[in-house]
Protein backbone atom coordinates (compact mmCIF):
# COMPACT_ATOMS: atom_id res chain seq x y z
CA MET A 1 0.00 -0.05 -0.04
CA LYS A 2 2.84 2.29 0.67
CA ILE A 3 4.32 1.41 -2.70
CA ALA A 4 1.08 2.69 -4.51
CA GLY A 5 0.98 5.96 -2.16
CA ILE A 6 4.61 6.84 -3.54
CA LEU A 7 4.17 6.00 -7.28
CA LEU A 8 0.69 8.09 -7.15
CA SER A 9 2.62 11.06 -5.55
CA LEU A 10 5.48 10.46 -8.15
CA LEU A 11 2.74 10.56 -10.90
CA VAL A 12 1.05 13.72 -9.48
CA ILE A 13 4.76 15.58 -9.31
CA LEU A 14 5.77 14.34 -12.76
CA THR A 15 2.47 15.76 -14.25
CA ILE A 16 2.63 18.90 -12.55
CA LEU A 17 6.44 19.87 -13.24
CA PRO A 18 6.34 20.40 -16.76
CA SER A 19 2.98 23.21 -16.21
CA LEU A 20 5.47 24.86 -13.40
CA GLY A 21 8.17 25.31 -15.85
CA LEU A 22 5.98 27.25 -18.26
CA THR A 23 4.87 29.28 -15.37
CA PHE A 24 7.73 30.82 -14.58
CA ALA A 25 9.47 31.12 -18.20
CA ALA A 26 10.52 34.65 -18.95
CA PRO A 27 8.25 36.05 -21.62
CA SER A 28 9.61 36.17 -25.09
CA ILE A 29 9.22 39.11 -27.82
CA SER A 30 10.01 39.09 -31.50
CA ILE A 31 10.00 41.79 -34.26
CA GLU A 32 10.35 40.74 -37.85
CA THR A 33 9.69 42.83 -41.15
CA SER A 34 7.69 41.81 -43.65
CA GLN A 35 11.02 41.68 -46.23
CA SER A 36 14.37 41.76 -45.44
CA VAL A 37 14.98 44.00 -48.73
CA TYR A 38 12.76 47.02 -49.40
CA GLU A 39 13.34 49.22 -52.48
CA TYR A 40 11.80 53.09 -52.60
CA GLY A 41 8.34 52.92 -53.12
CA ASP A 42 7.62 49.82 -50.74
CA HIS A 43 6.09 50.30 -47.27
CA LEU A 44 7.59 48.86 -44.33
CA VAL A 45 5.53 46.38 -42.41
CA MET A 46 6.63 45.34 -38.73
CA LEU A 47 5.41 41.99 -37.34
CA ILE A 48 5.48 42.05 -33.22
CA SER A 49 5.10 38.76 -31.42
CA VAL A 50 4.80 38.98 -27.55
CA SER A 51 4.47 35.86 -25.46
CA GLU A 52 2.22 37.56 -22.71
CA ILE A 53 0.66 40.94 -22.45
CA THR A 54 1.82 43.21 -19.75
CA GLY A 55 0.30 46.33 -20.39
CA ASP A 56 3.30 48.07 -21.26
CA ASP A 57 4.28 50.02 -24.38
CA GLY A 58 6.92 48.74 -26.56
CA TYR A 59 9.18 51.02 -27.74
CA ILE A 60 10.59 50.38 -31.50
CA TYR A 61 14.04 52.20 -31.99
CA ILE A 62 15.50 52.29 -35.41
CA THR A 63 19.31 52.68 -36.30
CA ASP A 64 20.25 54.14 -39.53
CA PRO A 65 23.54 52.92 -41.81
CA ALA A 66 25.57 55.88 -39.88
CA GLU A 67 24.70 54.02 -37.05
CA ARG A 68 22.21 56.71 -35.42
CA LYS A 69 19.85 55.05 -33.04
CA SER A 70 16.54 56.90 -32.60
CA LEU A 71 12.76 56.25 -31.18
CA LEU A 72 10.62 55.06 -34.45
CA LEU A 73 7.43 54.35 -32.47
CA GLN A 74 5.95 54.08 -29.02
CA GLN A 75 2.95 51.48 -29.36
CA PRO A 76 0.63 49.85 -26.67
CA ILE A 77 0.89 46.13 -27.04
CA SER A 78 -2.83 44.75 -26.25
CA GLN A 79 -2.52 41.51 -28.48
CA LYS A 80 0.29 38.78 -28.82
CA TYR A 81 0.57 39.49 -32.41
CA VAL A 82 0.56 42.93 -34.03
CA GLU A 83 1.26 43.89 -37.31
CA LEU A 84 2.39 47.55 -38.10
CA PRO A 85 2.41 48.99 -41.60
CA SER A 86 3.68 51.89 -42.21
CA ASN A 87 1.46 54.97 -43.70
CA PHE A 88 4.07 56.28 -46.40
CA PRO A 89 6.69 54.25 -48.36
CA PHE A 90 10.28 54.66 -48.70
CA ASP A 91 11.23 57.81 -50.14
CA SER A 92 14.88 58.26 -51.23
CA ALA A 93 14.57 62.01 -49.74
CA ILE A 94 14.02 60.42 -46.43
CA TRP A 95 15.86 57.03 -46.54
CA LYS A 96 19.51 56.23 -47.68
CA THR A 97 20.39 53.00 -49.26
CA GLY A 98 21.97 50.76 -46.88
CA THR A 99 21.35 48.48 -43.80
CA TYR A 100 18.40 49.55 -40.56
CA VAL A 101 18.34 47.74 -37.43
CA LEU A 102 15.04 47.71 -35.51
CA GLU A 103 14.76 47.21 -31.88
CA LEU A 104 11.62 46.31 -29.98
CA GLU A 105 11.76 47.15 -26.25
CA TYR A 106 8.91 45.38 -24.27
CA SER A 107 8.76 44.50 -20.54
CA GLY A 108 12.44 45.05 -20.07
CA ILE A 109 13.20 42.61 -23.13
CA ASN A 110 14.88 43.58 -26.25
CA SER A 111 14.75 41.85 -30.08
CA SER A 112 16.19 43.42 -32.97
CA VAL A 113 16.00 42.76 -36.84
CA GLN A 114 17.60 44.10 -39.69
CA PHE A 115 16.68 45.15 -42.94
CA THR A 116 18.26 46.64 -46.07
CA ILE A 117 17.10 49.50 -48.48
CA GLU A 118 18.78 49.22 -52.17
């Protein structure tokens, strides 16, 4: 009878442990673009994915080919998946050719992606 009780307890513990690991897992985020290479006239589409909604704003920074970093967008995150299309296409008067980096900061976690304008 003792062995049956021990086996039952072990079975319960083994069943609960995997879900505990998910409970204490750190949240994850990602930022992607719809394309890795853009041309003038194309619209940038940013794809944001978060594992949990915290109520914090997401901050998106952009670093240009000259390595100047600036805040591009501050956006409340209210869904686990957000698609953010730009209102205006890439214009050669504003955007220079080269590689850009987008960095998402959300709930103390960072994610980044690169894209190129040709």
